[in-house]
Structure formats: structure tokens, C-alpha cells
C-alpha atoms as a PDB file:
ATOM      1  CA  MET A   1     -34.281  31.977  33.588  1.00  0.00           C
ATOM      2  CA  ALA A   2     -37.037  34.525  34.189  1.00  0.00           C
ATOM      3  CA  ARG A   3     -38.055  32.572  37.298  1.00  0.00           C
ATOM      4  CA  LEU A   4     -34.457  32.216  38.457  1.00  0.00           C
ATOM      5  CA  ARG A   5     -33.982  35.996  38.221  1.00  0.00           C
ATOM      6  CA  ASP A   6     -37.340  36.879  39.763  1.00  0.00           C
ATOM      7  CA  PRO A   7     -36.602  39.497  42.481  1.00  0.00           C
ATOM      8  CA  GLU A   8     -38.983  37.940  45.014  1.00  0.00           C
ATOM      9  CA  HIS A   9     -38.987  34.184  44.412  1.00  0.00           C
ATOM     10  CA  GLY A  10     -35.865  33.588  42.327  1.00  0.00           C
ATOM     11  CA  CYS A  11     -32.286  32.570  43.062  1.00  0.00           C
ATOM     12  CA  ASP A  12     -30.186  35.242  44.754  1.00  0.00           C
ATOM     13  CA  TRP A  13     -27.052  34.293  42.799  1.00  0.00           C
ATOM     14  CA  ASP A  14     -28.739  34.253  39.376  1.00  0.00           C
ATOM     15  CA  GLY A  15     -30.523  37.487  40.116  1.00  0.00           C
ATOM     16  CA  ALA A  16     -27.313  39.271  41.032  1.00  0.00           C
ATOM     17  CA  GLN A  17     -25.508  38.457  37.778  1.00  0.00           C
ATOM     18  CA  THR A  18     -24.709  40.951  35.008  1.00  0.00           C
ATOM     19  CA  PHE A  19     -23.340  40.691  31.476  1.00  0.00           C
ATOM     20  CA  ALA A  20     -19.837  41.185  32.846  1.00  0.00           C
ATOM     21  CA  THR A  21     -20.069  38.601  35.632  1.00  0.00           C
ATOM     22  CA  ILE A  22     -21.540  35.958  33.336  1.00  0.00           C
ATOM     23  CA  ALA A  23     -19.098  36.517  30.446  1.00  0.00           C
ATOM     24  CA  PRO A  24     -16.289  34.377  31.971  1.00  0.00           C
ATOM     25  CA  TYR A  25     -18.714  31.468  32.347  1.00  0.00           C
ATOM     26  CA  THR A  26     -19.749  31.856  28.705  1.00  0.00           C
ATOM     27  CA  ILE A  27     -16.122  31.561  27.606  1.00  0.00           C
ATOM     28  CA  GLU A  28     -15.558  28.595  29.926  1.00  0.00           C
ATOM     29  CA  GLU A  29     -18.595  26.749  28.580  1.00  0.00           C
ATOM     30  CA  ALA A  30     -17.432  27.268  24.981  1.00  0.00           C
ATOM     31  CA  TYR A  31     -14.103  25.676  25.876  1.00  0.00           C
ATOM     32  CA  GLU A  32     -15.852  22.758  27.544  1.00  0.00           C
ATOM     33  CA  VAL A  33     -17.802  22.187  24.320  1.00  0.00           C
ATOM     34  CA  ALA A  34     -14.506  22.127  22.401  1.00  0.00           C
ATOM     35  CA  ASP A  35     -13.002  19.758  24.983  1.00  0.00           C
ATOM     36  CA  ALA A  36     -15.895  17.293  24.656  1.00  0.00           C
ATOM     37  CA  ILE A  37     -15.483  17.315  20.871  1.00  0.00           C
ATOM     38  CA  GLU A  38     -11.737  16.757  21.124  1.00  0.00           C
ATOM     39  CA  ARG A  39     -12.307  13.811  23.462  1.00  0.00           C
ATOM     40  CA  GLY A  40     -15.052  12.401  21.240  1.00  0.00           C
ATOM     41  CA  ASP A  41     -17.409  12.251  24.228  1.00  0.00           C
ATOM     42  CA  TRP A  42     -20.758  12.822  22.523  1.00  0.00           C
ATOM     43  CA  ALA A  43     -22.865  12.351  25.653  1.00  0.00           C
ATOM     44  CA  ASP A  44     -20.774  15.017  27.356  1.00  0.00           C
ATOM     45  CA  LEU A  45     -21.049  17.200  24.248  1.00  0.00           C
ATOM     46  CA  LYS A  46     -24.833  17.125  24.582  1.00  0.00           C
ATOM     47  CA  ASP A  47     -24.566  18.330  28.167  1.00  0.00           C
ATOM     48  CA  GLU A  48     -21.963  20.977  27.363  1.00  0.00           C
ATOM     49  CA  LEU A  49     -23.997  22.344  24.464  1.00  0.00           C
ATOM     50  CA  GLY A  50     -26.883  22.704  26.902  1.00  0.00           C
ATOM     51  CA  ASP A  51     -24.643  24.621  29.289  1.00  0.00           C
ATOM     52  CA  LEU A  52     -23.515  26.874  26.437  1.00  0.00           C
ATOM     53  CA  LEU A  53     -27.092  27.420  25.309  1.00  0.00           C
ATOM     54  CA  LEU A  54     -27.969  28.442  28.847  1.00  0.00           C
ATOM     55  CA  GLN A  55     -25.396  31.220  28.567  1.00  0.00           C
ATOM     56  CA  ALA A  56     -27.200  32.662  25.531  1.00  0.00           C
ATOM     57  CA  VAL A  57     -30.467  32.475  27.433  1.00  0.00           C
ATOM     58  CA  PHE A  58     -28.898  34.096  30.499  1.00  0.00           C
ATOM     59  CA  HIS A  59     -27.469  37.052  28.580  1.00  0.00           C
ATOM     60  CA  SER A  60     -30.699  37.464  26.635  1.00  0.00           C
ATOM     61  CA  ARG A  61     -32.746  37.560  29.831  1.00  0.00           C
ATOM     62  CA  ILE A  62     -30.491  40.225  31.343  1.00  0.00           C
ATOM     63  CA  ALA A  63     -30.870  42.225  28.123  1.00  0.00           C
ATOM     64  CA  GLU A  64     -34.642  41.820  28.133  1.00  0.00           C
ATOM     65  CA  GLU A  65     -34.856  43.119  31.693  1.00  0.00           C
ATOM     66  CA  ALA A  66     -32.836  46.160  30.603  1.00  0.00           C
ATOM     67  CA  GLY A  67     -35.124  46.752  27.628  1.00  0.00           C
ATOM     68  CA  LEU A  68     -32.362  46.049  25.105  1.00  0.00           C
ATOM     69  CA  PHE A  69     -33.485  42.879  23.313  1.00  0.00           C
ATOM     70  CA  ALA A  70     -34.861  39.426  24.051  1.00  0.00           C
ATOM     71  CA  LEU A  71     -34.007  35.853  23.081  1.00  0.00           C
ATOM     72  CA  PRO A  72     -36.281  35.855  19.970  1.00  0.00           C
ATOM     73  CA  ASP A  73     -34.371  38.914  18.730  1.00  0.00           C
ATOM     74  CA  VAL A  74     -31.083  37.016  19.098  1.00  0.00           C
ATOM     75  CA  VAL A  75     -32.426  34.063  17.114  1.00  0.00           C
ATOM     76  CA  ALA A  76     -33.879  36.364  14.447  1.00  0.00           C
ATOM     77  CA  ALA A  77     -30.577  38.244  14.135  1.00  0.00           C
ATOM     78  CA  ILE A  78     -28.490  35.120  13.540  1.00  0.00           C
ATOM     79  CA  SER A  79     -31.086  33.763  11.119  1.00  0.00           C
ATOM     80  CA  ASP A  80     -30.997  37.012   9.166  1.00  0.00           C
ATOM     81  CA  LYS A  81     -27.204  36.947   9.136  1.00  0.00           C
ATOM     82  CA  MET A  82     -27.064  33.391   7.789  1.00  0.00           C
ATOM     83  CA  GLU A  83     -29.534  34.264   5.036  1.00  0.00           C
ATOM     84  CA  ARG A  84     -27.613  37.430   4.193  1.00  0.00           C
ATOM     85  CA  ARG A  85     -24.327  35.530   3.979  1.00  0.00           C
ATOM     86  CA  HIS A  86     -25.814  32.774   1.786  1.00  0.00           C
ATOM     87  CA  PRO A  87     -27.857  34.607  -0.864  1.00  0.00           C
ATOM     88  CA  HIS A  88     -27.233  31.777  -3.342  1.00  0.00           C
ATOM     89  CA  ILE A  89     -28.971  29.334  -0.973  1.00  0.00           C
ATOM     90  CA  PHE A  90     -31.758  31.414   0.585  1.00  0.00           C
ATOM     91  CA  GLY A  91     -32.365  33.643  -2.434  1.00  0.00           C
ATOM     92  CA  ASP A  92     -31.599  34.111  -6.096  1.00  0.00           C
ATOM     93  CA  GLY A  93     -28.337  36.010  -5.699  1.00  0.00           C
ATOM     94  CA  PRO A  94     -24.823  34.872  -6.643  1.00  0.00           C
ATOM     95  CA  ASN A  95     -22.345  33.464  -4.178  1.00  0.00           C
ATOM     96  CA  PRO A  96     -20.026  36.419  -3.421  1.00  0.00           C
ATOM     97  CA  GLY A  97     -17.808  34.413  -1.081  1.00  0.00           C
ATOM     98  CA  TRP A  98     -17.747  34.342   2.710  1.00  0.00           C
ATOM     99  CA  GLU A  99     -14.841  36.740   3.161  1.00  0.00           C
ATOM    100  CA  ALA A 100     -16.312  39.278   0.714  1.00  0.00           C
ATOM    101  CA  LEU A 101     -19.591  39.279   2.632  1.00  0.00           C
ATOM    102  CA  LYS A 102     -17.862  39.661   5.990  1.00  0.00           C
ATOM    103  CA  ALA A 103     -15.702  42.458   4.593  1.00  0.00           C
ATOM    104  CA  ALA A 104     -18.828  44.281   3.414  1.00  0.00           C
ATOM    105  CA  GLU A 105     -20.375  43.898   6.859  1.00  0.00           C
ATOM    106  CA  ARG A 106     -17.231  45.290   8.488  1.00  0.00           C
ATOM    107  CA  ALA A 107     -17.198  48.213   6.066  1.00  0.00           C
ATOM    108  CA  ALA A 108     -20.714  49.150   7.160  1.00  0.00           C
ATOM    109  CA  ARG A 109     -19.607  49.485  10.797  1.00  0.00           C
ATOM    110  CA  PRO A 110     -18.355  52.764  12.307  1.00  0.00           C
ATOM    111  CA  ASP A 111     -14.877  51.296  12.873  1.00  0.00           C
ATOM    112  CA  ALA A 112     -13.425  51.030   9.361  1.00  0.00           C
ATOM    113  CA  SER A 113     -10.117  49.492  10.448  1.00  0.00           C
ATOM    114  CA  ALA A 114      -9.067  46.187   8.901  1.00  0.00           C
ATOM    115  CA  LEU A 115      -8.736  44.977  12.495  1.00  0.00           C
ATOM    116  CA  ALA A 116     -12.310  45.866  13.459  1.00  0.00           C
ATOM    117  CA  GLY A 117     -14.364  43.064  14.943  1.00  0.00           C
ATOM    118  CA  VAL A 118     -11.495  40.945  16.271  1.00  0.00           C
ATOM    119  CA  ALA A 119     -12.966  40.351  19.707  1.00  0.00           C
ATOM    120  CA  THR A 120     -10.857  41.431  22.661  1.00  0.00           C
ATOM    121  CA  GLY A 121     -12.280  38.545  24.693  1.00  0.00           C
ATOM    122  CA  LEU A 122     -10.604  35.904  22.500  1.00  0.00           C
ATOM    123  CA  PRO A 123      -7.730  33.902  23.984  1.00  0.00           C
ATOM    124  CA  ALA A 124      -4.606  36.001  23.456  1.00  0.00           C
ATOM    125  CA  LEU A 125      -2.908  33.416  21.233  1.00  0.00           C
ATOM    126  CA  LEU A 126      -5.927  33.107  18.949  1.00  0.00           C
ATOM    127  CA  ARG A 127      -6.453  36.872  18.838  1.00  0.00           C
ATOM    128  CA  ALA A 128      -2.811  37.429  17.869  1.00  0.00           C
ATOM    129  CA  GLU A 129      -3.252  35.106  14.892  1.00  0.00           C
ATOM    130  CA  LYS A 130      -6.487  36.777  13.820  1.00  0.00           C
ATOM    131  CA  LEU A 131      -4.963  40.259  14.062  1.00  0.00           C
ATOM    132  CA  GLN A 132      -2.009  39.122  11.960  1.00  0.00           C
ATOM    133  CA  LYS A 133      -4.269  37.570   9.328  1.00  0.00           C
ATOM    134  CA  ARG A 134      -6.335  40.753   9.094  1.00  0.00           C
ATOM    135  CA  ALA A 135      -3.190  42.862   8.717  1.00  0.00           C
ATOM    136  CA  ALA A 136      -1.868  40.459   6.090  1.00  0.00           C
ATOM    137  CA  ARG A 137      -4.942  41.074   3.921  1.00  0.00           C
ATOM    138  CA  THR A 138      -3.847  44.694   3.581  1.00  0.00           C
ATOM    139  CA  GLY A 139      -0.357  43.628   2.473  1.00  0.00           C
ATOM    140  CA  PHE A 140       1.256  44.268   5.858  1.00  0.00           C
ATOM    141  CA  ASP A 141       3.005  40.925   6.245  1.00  0.00           C
ATOM    142  CA  TRP A 142       6.336  39.171   5.844  1.00  0.00           C
ATOM    143  CA  PRO A 143       6.801  37.683   2.352  1.00  0.00           C
ATOM    144  CA  ASP A 144       7.901  34.340   3.796  1.00  0.00           C
ATOM    145  CA  ALA A 145       8.654  32.544   7.073  1.00  0.00           C
ATOM    146  CA  SER A 146      12.224  33.846   7.312  1.00  0.00           C
ATOM    147  CA  GLY A 147      11.023  37.287   8.399  1.00  0.00           C
ATOM    148  CA  PRO A 148       9.095  36.216  11.509  1.00  0.00           C
ATOM    149  CA  ARG A 149      11.796  33.655  12.304  1.00  0.00           C
ATOM    150  CA  ALA A 150      14.435  36.409  12.425  1.00  0.00           C
ATOM    151  CA  LYS A 151      12.046  38.542  14.461  1.00  0.00           C
ATOM    152  CA  ILE A 152      11.965  35.828  17.147  1.00  0.00           C
ATOM    153  CA  ASP A 153      15.728  36.124  17.622  1.00  0.00           C
ATOM    154  CA  GLU A 154      15.406  39.906  17.813  1.00  0.00           C
ATOM    155  CA  GLU A 155      12.608  39.759  20.376  1.00  0.00           C
ATOM    156  CA  LEU A 156      14.400  37.092  22.425  1.00  0.00           C
ATOM    157  CA  ALA A 157      17.456  39.331  22.658  1.00  0.00           C
ATOM    158  CA  GLU A 158      15.247  42.168  23.885  1.00  0.00           C
ATOM    159  CA  VAL A 159      13.733  39.898  26.545  1.00  0.00           C
ATOM    160  CA  GLU A 160      17.192  38.977  27.788  1.00  0.00           C
ATOM    161  CA  THR A 161      18.169  42.643  28.218  1.00  0.00           C
ATOM    162  CA  ALA A 162      14.812  43.918  29.476  1.00  0.00           C
ATOM    163  CA  GLY A 163      14.426  45.496  32.881  1.00  0.00           C
ATOM    164  CA  PRO A 164      11.751  44.362  35.351  1.00  0.00           C
ATOM    165  CA  ASP A 165       9.267  46.967  34.103  1.00  0.00           C
ATOM    166  CA  GLU A 166       9.793  45.943  30.464  1.00  0.00           C
ATOM    167  CA  LEU A 167       9.835  42.173  30.824  1.00  0.00           C
ATOM    168  CA  GLU A 168       6.107  41.506  30.412  1.00  0.00           C
ATOM    169  CA  SER A 169       5.912  43.686  27.305  1.00  0.00           C
ATOM    170  CA  GLU A 170       8.984  42.104  25.714  1.00  0.00           C
ATOM    171  CA  ILE A 171       7.797  38.548  26.395  1.00  0.00           C
ATOM    172  CA  GLY A 172       4.482  39.524  24.832  1.00  0.00           C
ATOM    173  CA  ASP A 173       6.330  40.695  21.710  1.00  0.00           C
ATOM    174  CA  LEU A 174       8.226  37.387  21.644  1.00  0.00           C
ATOM    175  CA  LEU A 175       5.031  35.340  21.874  1.00  0.00           C
ATOM    176  CA  PHE A 176       3.434  37.478  19.156  1.00  0.00           C
ATOM    177  CA  SER A 177       6.418  36.748  16.906  1.00  0.00           C
ATOM    178  CA  VAL A 178       6.168  33.001  17.557  1.00  0.00           C
ATOM    179  CA  VAL A 179       2.502  33.106  16.532  1.00  0.00           C
ATOM    180  CA  ASN A 180       3.504  34.954  13.365  1.00  0.00           C
ATOM    181  CA  TRP A 181       6.138  32.347  12.533  1.00  0.00           C
ATOM    182  CA  ALA A 182       3.676  29.494  13.132  1.00  0.00           C
ATOM    183  CA  ARG A 183       1.164  31.188  10.835  1.00  0.00           C
ATOM    184  CA  HIS A 184       3.729  31.431   8.043  1.00  0.00           C
ATOM    185  CA  LEU A 185       4.605  27.766   8.499  1.00  0.00           C
ATOM    186  CA  GLY A 186       0.938  26.824   8.145  1.00  0.00           C
ATOM    187  CA  VAL A 187       0.663  25.733  11.776  1.00  0.00           C
ATOM    188  CA  ASP A 188      -2.363  26.655  13.890  1.00  0.00           C
ATOM    189  CA  PRO A 189      -0.663  28.072  17.021  1.00  0.00           C
ATOM    190  CA  GLU A 190      -3.698  27.498  19.241  1.00  0.00           C
ATOM    191  CA  ALA A 191      -3.910  23.845  18.164  1.00  0.00           C
ATOM    192  CA  ALA A 192      -0.146  23.457  18.532  1.00  0.00           C
ATOM    193  CA  LEU A 193      -0.205  24.758  22.100  1.00  0.00           C
ATOM    194  CA  ARG A 194      -3.202  22.578  22.978  1.00  0.00           C
ATOM    195  CA  SER A 195      -1.260  19.583  21.676  1.00  0.00           C
ATOM    196  CA  ALA A 196       1.791  20.584  23.705  1.00  0.00           C
ATOM    197  CA  ASN A 197      -0.373  20.969  26.816  1.00  0.00           C
ATOM    198  CA  ALA A 198      -1.888  17.529  26.276  1.00  0.00           C
ATOM    199  CA  LYS A 199       1.551  15.990  25.715  1.00  0.00           C
ATOM    200  CA  PHE A 200       2.937  17.568  28.878  1.00  0.00           C
ATOM    201  CA  GLU A 201      -0.055  16.469  30.938  1.00  0.00           C
ATOM    202  CA  CYS A 202       0.173  12.900  29.641  1.00  0.00           C
ATOM    203  CA  ARG A 203       3.891  12.637  30.371  1.00  0.00           C
ATOM    204  CA  PHE A 204       3.630  14.314  33.777  1.00  0.00           C
ATOM    205  CA  ARG A 205       0.836  11.954  34.803  1.00  0.00           C
ATOM    206  CA  ALA A 206       2.972   9.036  33.633  1.00  0.00           C
ATOM    207  CA  MET A 207       5.817  10.307  35.838  1.00  0.00           C
ATOM    208  CA  GLU A 208       3.463  10.456  38.804  1.00  0.00           C
ATOM    209  CA  GLY A 209       2.272   6.947  38.027  1.00  0.00           C
ATOM    210  CA  GLU A 210       5.812   5.584  37.873  1.00  0.00           C
ATOM    211  CA  ALA A 211       6.958   7.214  41.123  1.00  0.00           C
ATOM    212  CA  GLY A 212       3.727   6.945  43.087  1.00  0.00           C
ATOM    213  CA  GLU A 213       3.470   8.852  46.356  1.00  0.00           C
ATOM    214  CA  ALA A 214       7.240   9.401  46.396  1.00  0.00           C
ATOM    215  CA  PHE A 215       7.106  11.679  43.337  1.00  0.00           C
ATOM    216  CA  ALA A 216       6.959  15.044  45.134  1.00  0.00           C
ATOM    217  CA  ALA A 217       9.961  14.140  47.332  1.00  0.00           C
ATOM    218  CA  LEU A 218      12.220  13.207  44.400  1.00  0.00           C
ATOM    219  CA  SER A 219      15.097  15.526  43.590  1.00  0.00           C
ATOM    220  CA  LEU A 220      14.924  17.627  40.430  1.00  0.00           C
ATOM    221  CA  GLU A 221      17.591  15.403  38.877  1.00  0.00           C
ATOM    222  CA  ASP A 222      15.502  12.298  39.593  1.00  0.00           C
ATOM    223  CA  LYS A 223      12.414  13.963  38.184  1.00  0.00           C
ATOM    224  CA  GLU A 224      14.308  14.919  35.017  1.00  0.00           C
ATOM    225  CA  ALA A 225      15.555  11.343  34.636  1.00  0.00           C
ATOM    226  CA  LEU A 226      12.018  10.070  35.074  1.00  0.00           C
ATOM    227  CA  TRP A 227      10.789  12.606  32.505  1.00  0.00           C
ATOM    228  CA  ALA A 228      13.396  11.391  29.999  1.00  0.00           C
ATOM    229  CA  ALA A 229      12.362   7.782  30.575  1.00  0.00           C
ATOM    230  CA  VAL A 230       8.678   8.583  30.085  1.00  0.00           C
ATOM    231  CA  LYS A 231       9.504  10.565  26.962  1.00  0.00           C
ATOM    232  CA  ARG A 232      11.487   7.658  25.500  1.00  0.00           C
ATOM    233  CA  SER A 233       8.690   5.201  26.205  1.00  0.00           C
ATOM    234  CA  ALA A 234       6.177   7.471  24.499  1.00  0.00           C
ATOM    235  CA  ALA A 235       8.308   7.863  21.360  1.00  0.00           C
END
């Protein structure tokens, strides 16, 4: 990476990158790791882990050039953190529990909020769940699933009466409520949506396969009939 970012003999693209421009690639590579695991493609997982590792190297090199830290500092920091969080394994201390240790670490930070440390770069669905879980630890939560379920009806009504300038905000509130309901039902909303995406993709591809090149020219009614047929065959 040092050679790639060398001002004289390196790669122009690599040399022009910053933390901000590389961050989207880091997120993308993490998802590709998860995708390889979900598909059970272990050869691809090896490659994707390499791509993800490159992101850590890339960010560390940019930091080193700025005099902030270097890759050995990153490795040392995570090693120290793992030892600190497992005193019963790496030392003679008791096992205080993962959440207790993380809570103590959060308390030592300047931001004392219960919501501190929930990364803004997380996918919105996942971040909504994490924010709700953090709030729930303080007692700010519905006692059962009926509360968030009723909230969905309330938010849906607000979407239906929202003006153009309010629509995005109201739909966001509705989605947040659906995540809350899923959490109370013990359903991982991120996993549920991934499953729904996979189901839709599978069925849509089956529709394309059944209709062939004529698919795009079919009427909506014909497409809906084809969708129903594919759905029945998959049941």
C-alpha cells in the first residue's frame, strides 16, 4: 500500500483516496464477506476476507501518512481490547460479562449517553434495532409486542395523511416502528429483510425463466399471474 500511494511511482487512484472516499468500499467489502458466508462459498470467503483486510491496511496507511497511527497500532489496540474484555482468560480476574465490560468502556468516553457508540455508518435497519436495544436497557421500551404493533397503525395513518414535505419523515417513523415490533417478536429485522430480498429475487428470476425474452413485454396482469404461479410452485 505504501508503494501504491507513493507520490512519484505509485497509482494515481490509490494515492488520491482519503478516509472518506475509501469508507464506502470498506462497508461494501464487509457485506461481500457476509454474502460469501451465507452462500457457503469458502473459496470466495478467503478472497473476500483478503479484500476486507486490504481496507484495514488502506485506512492505516492513510493514517500513517497523516501522522495519526500505523497498522501495528491498530493490531495492538484490538489485541489490548480483547485482553481487557477477557480478564478471566488472559489474566487472573473474574469474568464480569461482555455487556458489563462494554458498558464500562462507554462510560469512560466523553459521550455518556446510553446511545453512544452506535455507529452512524451502520445500515439504517440495523442501526434502528441497536438504538432501540440501547434505549431498552434504560427501561425506555414497550412492555410487550402490542405497543409497537399499535404504533405501526398510528404511523401508517400519519403516512397516509402526510404532505410531500413530510412523507420521507413519516415513512421513516413507520419503518422504525416495524423494526421495534420485529425486535419484540424476537425476529432479527435485518435477517428478515435479507430473507425477503432473497425470496423476491428467486421468484422474480423464476418468472423471467418461465417467460423468457417475452417477459418485459407482458402486461402487469400477466406478470402478476406468473408471479402467483411461481409462488405456488415454491410453496
